[in-house]
Amino acid sequence: MNNSFSQSIANICGLELATLVNDYKFSVFGGHTAVIEGHKGVVEYSTETVSFAVKKGTLRISGNDLRIKCLEKHFAVVVGAIISVEVKGNEK
């Protein structure tokens, strides 16, 4: 896909290019806030683990005192003491 075309589409949709190309994106800020864009729903939720369905897998946030601060269609913010974030593909 042409990057300038992809970037134009991302701008029109209000998305970052990485989200458009990869179907999801996550960022962790200061070890206490995770922002997930492009998720397909919550898979698991506890104060130690929050997991989201993403394209071809699961994004799992592990830590302490985790909570979902914002949850919208395809967008979420998780806060707490974040220890790790991992993405696992679906096993066939």
N, C-alpha and C. Protein backbone atom coordinates (compact mmCIF):
# COMPACT_ATOMS: atom_id res chain seq x y z
N MET A 1 0.85 -1.17 0.00
CA MET A 1 0.00 0.00 0.00
C MET A 1 0.90 1.24 0.00
N ASN A 2 0.57 2.19 -0.79
CA ASN A 2 1.31 3.44 -0.88
C ASN A 2 1.18 4.20 0.44
N ASN A 3 2.33 4.55 1.05
CA ASN A 3 2.30 5.21 2.36
C ASN A 3 1.61 6.57 2.34
N SER A 4 1.77 7.34 1.26
CA SER A 4 1.10 8.64 1.23
C SER A 4 -0.42 8.46 1.12
N PHE A 5 -0.85 7.46 0.34
CA PHE A 5 -2.27 7.16 0.25
C PHE A 5 -2.78 6.68 1.61
N SER A 6 -2.04 5.75 2.23
CA SER A 6 -2.43 5.22 3.54
C SER A 6 -2.48 6.33 4.58
N GLN A 7 -1.50 7.22 4.55
CA GLN A 7 -1.49 8.33 5.50
C GLN A 7 -2.69 9.25 5.28
N SER A 8 -3.05 9.49 4.03
CA SER A 8 -4.23 10.32 3.73
C SER A 8 -5.50 9.68 4.28
N ILE A 9 -5.65 8.37 4.10
CA ILE A 9 -6.82 7.66 4.63
C ILE A 9 -6.82 7.72 6.15
N ALA A 10 -5.66 7.50 6.77
CA ALA A 10 -5.55 7.57 8.23
C ALA A 10 -5.96 8.95 8.73
N ASN A 11 -5.51 10.00 8.05
CA ASN A 11 -5.87 11.37 8.44
C ASN A 11 -7.37 11.60 8.33
N ILE A 12 -7.99 11.12 7.26
CA ILE A 12 -9.43 11.28 7.07
C ILE A 12 -10.20 10.57 8.17
N CYS A 13 -9.71 9.37 8.55
CA CYS A 13 -10.38 8.56 9.58
C CYS A 13 -10.02 8.99 11.00
N GLY A 14 -9.06 9.90 11.13
CA GLY A 14 -8.64 10.34 12.45
C GLY A 14 -7.82 9.28 13.18
N LEU A 15 -7.09 8.45 12.44
CA LEU A 15 -6.28 7.38 13.02
C LEU A 15 -4.81 7.63 12.75
N GLU A 16 -3.97 6.97 13.54
CA GLU A 16 -2.55 6.98 13.22
C GLU A 16 -2.32 5.93 12.15
N LEU A 17 -1.31 6.10 11.34
CA LEU A 17 -1.01 5.19 10.25
C LEU A 17 -0.80 3.76 10.77
N ALA A 18 -0.12 3.60 11.89
CA ALA A 18 0.13 2.26 12.45
C ALA A 18 -1.18 1.53 12.75
N THR A 19 -2.17 2.26 13.22
CA THR A 19 -3.47 1.64 13.52
C THR A 19 -4.15 1.18 12.24
N LEU A 20 -4.08 1.98 11.20
CA LEU A 20 -4.71 1.62 9.93
C LEU A 20 -4.03 0.41 9.31
N VAL A 21 -2.70 0.38 9.31
CA VAL A 21 -1.96 -0.70 8.67
C VAL A 21 -2.01 -1.99 9.48
N ASN A 22 -1.79 -1.90 10.78
CA ASN A 22 -1.72 -3.09 11.64
C ASN A 22 -3.07 -3.48 12.23
N ASP A 23 -4.05 -2.66 12.13
CA ASP A 23 -5.38 -2.88 12.68
C ASP A 23 -5.48 -2.58 14.17
N TYR A 24 -4.36 -2.44 14.87
CA TYR A 24 -4.38 -2.03 16.27
C TYR A 24 -3.04 -1.40 16.63
N LYS A 25 -3.05 -0.67 17.74
CA LYS A 25 -1.84 -0.02 18.23
C LYS A 25 -1.99 0.14 19.73
N PHE A 26 -0.88 -0.01 20.46
CA PHE A 26 -0.94 0.29 21.89
C PHE A 26 0.28 1.11 22.28
N SER A 27 0.09 1.93 23.30
CA SER A 27 1.17 2.75 23.85
C SER A 27 1.06 2.69 25.37
N VAL A 28 2.22 2.66 26.04
CA VAL A 28 2.25 2.68 27.50
C VAL A 28 2.98 3.94 27.92
N PHE A 29 2.39 4.67 28.86
CA PHE A 29 2.95 5.93 29.33
C PHE A 29 3.29 5.83 30.81
N GLY A 30 4.57 5.98 31.12
CA GLY A 30 5.02 6.04 32.50
C GLY A 30 4.77 4.80 33.32
N GLY A 31 4.49 3.67 32.70
CA GLY A 31 4.23 2.44 33.44
C GLY A 31 2.92 2.43 34.20
N HIS A 32 2.05 3.43 33.91
CA HIS A 32 0.78 3.49 34.63
C HIS A 32 -0.44 3.74 33.74
N THR A 33 -0.24 3.99 32.46
CA THR A 33 -1.37 4.21 31.55
C THR A 33 -1.09 3.52 30.22
N ALA A 34 -2.04 2.70 29.78
CA ALA A 34 -1.93 2.05 28.47
C ALA A 34 -3.11 2.50 27.62
N VAL A 35 -2.81 2.87 26.38
CA VAL A 35 -3.85 3.27 25.43
C VAL A 35 -3.86 2.24 24.31
N ILE A 36 -5.03 1.68 24.05
CA ILE A 36 -5.19 0.65 23.03
C ILE A 36 -6.15 1.17 21.98
N GLU A 37 -5.69 1.18 20.72
CA GLU A 37 -6.53 1.61 19.60
C GLU A 37 -6.74 0.42 18.67
N GLY A 38 -7.96 0.21 18.24
CA GLY A 38 -8.26 -0.83 17.27
C GLY A 38 -8.58 -2.18 17.89
N HIS A 39 -8.88 -2.23 19.19
CA HIS A 39 -9.24 -3.52 19.80
C HIS A 39 -10.62 -3.97 19.33
N LYS A 40 -10.91 -5.25 19.54
CA LYS A 40 -12.19 -5.81 19.10
C LYS A 40 -13.01 -6.32 20.29
N GLY A 41 -12.66 -5.85 21.49
CA GLY A 41 -13.44 -6.22 22.67
C GLY A 41 -12.58 -6.71 23.81
N VAL A 42 -13.14 -6.69 25.01
CA VAL A 42 -12.45 -7.16 26.21
C VAL A 42 -12.60 -8.68 26.29
N VAL A 43 -11.48 -9.36 26.53
CA VAL A 43 -11.46 -10.82 26.64
C VAL A 43 -11.38 -11.25 28.10
N GLU A 44 -10.61 -10.51 28.88
CA GLU A 44 -10.40 -10.85 30.30
C GLU A 44 -10.24 -9.55 31.07
N TYR A 45 -10.79 -9.53 32.30
CA TYR A 45 -10.68 -8.30 33.10
C TYR A 45 -10.60 -8.63 34.58
N SER A 46 -9.48 -8.26 35.19
CA SER A 46 -9.32 -8.35 36.64
C SER A 46 -8.35 -7.24 37.04
N THR A 47 -8.08 -7.12 38.33
CA THR A 47 -7.16 -6.07 38.78
C THR A 47 -5.70 -6.41 38.44
N GLU A 48 -5.44 -7.67 38.02
CA GLU A 48 -4.09 -8.08 37.64
C GLU A 48 -3.90 -8.25 36.14
N THR A 49 -4.98 -8.45 35.40
CA THR A 49 -4.88 -8.71 33.95
C THR A 49 -6.06 -8.09 33.22
N VAL A 50 -5.74 -7.38 32.12
CA VAL A 50 -6.78 -6.88 31.21
C VAL A 50 -6.34 -7.32 29.82
N SER A 51 -7.22 -8.08 29.14
CA SER A 51 -6.89 -8.58 27.80
C SER A 51 -7.94 -8.10 26.80
N PHE A 52 -7.45 -7.79 25.60
CA PHE A 52 -8.30 -7.33 24.51
C PHE A 52 -8.09 -8.22 23.29
N ALA A 53 -9.16 -8.49 22.56
CA ALA A 53 -9.04 -9.16 21.27
C ALA A 53 -8.50 -8.13 20.28
N VAL A 54 -7.49 -8.54 19.52
CA VAL A 54 -6.95 -7.71 18.45
C VAL A 54 -6.84 -8.59 17.21
N LYS A 55 -6.53 -7.98 16.10
CA LYS A 55 -6.44 -8.73 14.85
C LYS A 55 -5.50 -9.92 15.02
N LYS A 56 -6.02 -11.11 14.80
CA LYS A 56 -5.25 -12.36 14.83
C LYS A 56 -4.65 -12.67 16.20
N GLY A 57 -5.23 -12.18 17.30
CA GLY A 57 -4.67 -12.53 18.60
C GLY A 57 -5.27 -11.80 19.77
N THR A 58 -4.48 -11.75 20.85
CA THR A 58 -4.90 -11.13 22.10
C THR A 58 -3.78 -10.24 22.63
N LEU A 59 -4.13 -9.04 23.07
CA LEU A 59 -3.20 -8.13 23.71
C LEU A 59 -3.50 -8.20 25.20
N ARG A 60 -2.49 -8.59 26.00
CA ARG A 60 -2.68 -8.80 27.44
C ARG A 60 -1.82 -7.82 28.23
N ILE A 61 -2.46 -7.07 29.12
CA ILE A 61 -1.78 -6.14 30.00
C ILE A 61 -1.77 -6.77 31.39
N SER A 62 -0.58 -6.87 31.99
CA SER A 62 -0.46 -7.44 33.33
C SER A 62 0.07 -6.37 34.28
N GLY A 63 -0.38 -6.44 35.54
CA GLY A 63 0.08 -5.47 36.52
C GLY A 63 -0.68 -5.58 37.82
N ASN A 64 -0.75 -4.49 38.55
CA ASN A 64 -1.44 -4.42 39.84
C ASN A 64 -2.42 -3.25 39.83
N ASP A 65 -3.54 -3.45 40.49
CA ASP A 65 -4.57 -2.41 40.61
C ASP A 65 -4.99 -1.87 39.24
N LEU A 66 -5.10 -2.75 38.24
CA LEU A 66 -5.50 -2.32 36.90
C LEU A 66 -7.00 -2.05 36.86
N ARG A 67 -7.35 -1.05 36.08
CA ARG A 67 -8.77 -0.79 35.82
C ARG A 67 -8.91 -0.12 34.46
N ILE A 68 -10.04 -0.35 33.85
CA ILE A 68 -10.33 0.29 32.57
C ILE A 68 -10.92 1.65 32.86
N LYS A 69 -10.20 2.69 32.49
CA LYS A 69 -10.66 4.06 32.75
C LYS A 69 -11.59 4.55 31.64
N CYS A 70 -11.34 4.10 30.40
CA CYS A 70 -12.16 4.49 29.26
C CYS A 70 -12.30 3.29 28.34
N LEU A 71 -13.52 3.02 27.92
CA LEU A 71 -13.77 1.91 27.00
C LEU A 71 -14.80 2.36 25.98
N GLU A 72 -14.34 2.46 24.74
CA GLU A 72 -15.20 2.81 23.62
C GLU A 72 -14.98 1.79 22.53
N LYS A 73 -15.79 1.84 21.52
CA LYS A 73 -15.62 0.95 20.39
C LYS A 73 -14.24 1.19 19.79
N HIS A 74 -13.40 0.17 19.80
CA HIS A 74 -12.05 0.18 19.22
C HIS A 74 -11.04 1.03 19.98
N PHE A 75 -11.37 1.58 21.16
CA PHE A 75 -10.44 2.42 21.90
C PHE A 75 -10.60 2.16 23.39
N ALA A 76 -9.47 2.04 24.10
CA ALA A 76 -9.53 1.83 25.55
C ALA A 76 -8.32 2.45 26.22
N VAL A 77 -8.52 2.82 27.50
CA VAL A 77 -7.43 3.30 28.34
C VAL A 77 -7.46 2.46 29.62
N VAL A 78 -6.31 1.86 29.95
CA VAL A 78 -6.16 1.05 31.16
C VAL A 78 -5.15 1.76 32.05
N VAL A 79 -5.48 1.91 33.34
CA VAL A 79 -4.57 2.55 34.29
C VAL A 79 -4.27 1.59 35.43
N GLY A 80 -3.16 1.84 36.10
CA GLY A 80 -2.69 1.02 37.22
C GLY A 80 -1.19 0.86 37.11
N ALA A 81 -0.64 -0.05 37.91
CA ALA A 81 0.80 -0.33 37.86
C ALA A 81 1.03 -1.39 36.79
N ILE A 82 1.39 -0.95 35.59
CA ILE A 82 1.55 -1.86 34.45
C ILE A 82 2.94 -2.49 34.50
N ILE A 83 2.97 -3.82 34.52
CA ILE A 83 4.23 -4.56 34.58
C ILE A 83 4.65 -5.01 33.18
N SER A 84 3.68 -5.48 32.38
CA SER A 84 4.03 -5.96 31.04
C SER A 84 2.83 -5.88 30.10
N VAL A 85 3.15 -5.86 28.81
CA VAL A 85 2.14 -5.94 27.76
C VAL A 85 2.66 -6.96 26.75
N GLU A 86 1.82 -7.93 26.40
CA GLU A 86 2.23 -8.91 25.41
C GLU A 86 1.11 -9.15 24.42
N VAL A 87 1.50 -9.50 23.22
CA VAL A 87 0.54 -9.83 22.17
C VAL A 87 0.80 -11.27 21.76
N LYS A 88 -0.24 -12.08 21.81
CA LYS A 88 -0.13 -13.48 21.40
C LYS A 88 -1.07 -13.72 20.23
N GLY A 89 -0.59 -14.46 19.25
CA GLY A 89 -1.42 -14.82 18.10
C GLY A 89 -2.33 -15.96 18.45
N ASN A 90 -3.41 -16.09 17.69
CA ASN A 90 -4.33 -17.20 17.89
C ASN A 90 -3.66 -18.50 17.49
N GLU A 91 -3.76 -19.51 18.36
CA GLU A 91 -3.21 -20.84 18.07
C GLU A 91 -4.22 -21.60 17.24
N LYS A 92 -3.76 -22.28 16.22
CA LYS A 92 -4.66 -23.09 15.37
C LYS A 92 -4.48 -24.54 15.66
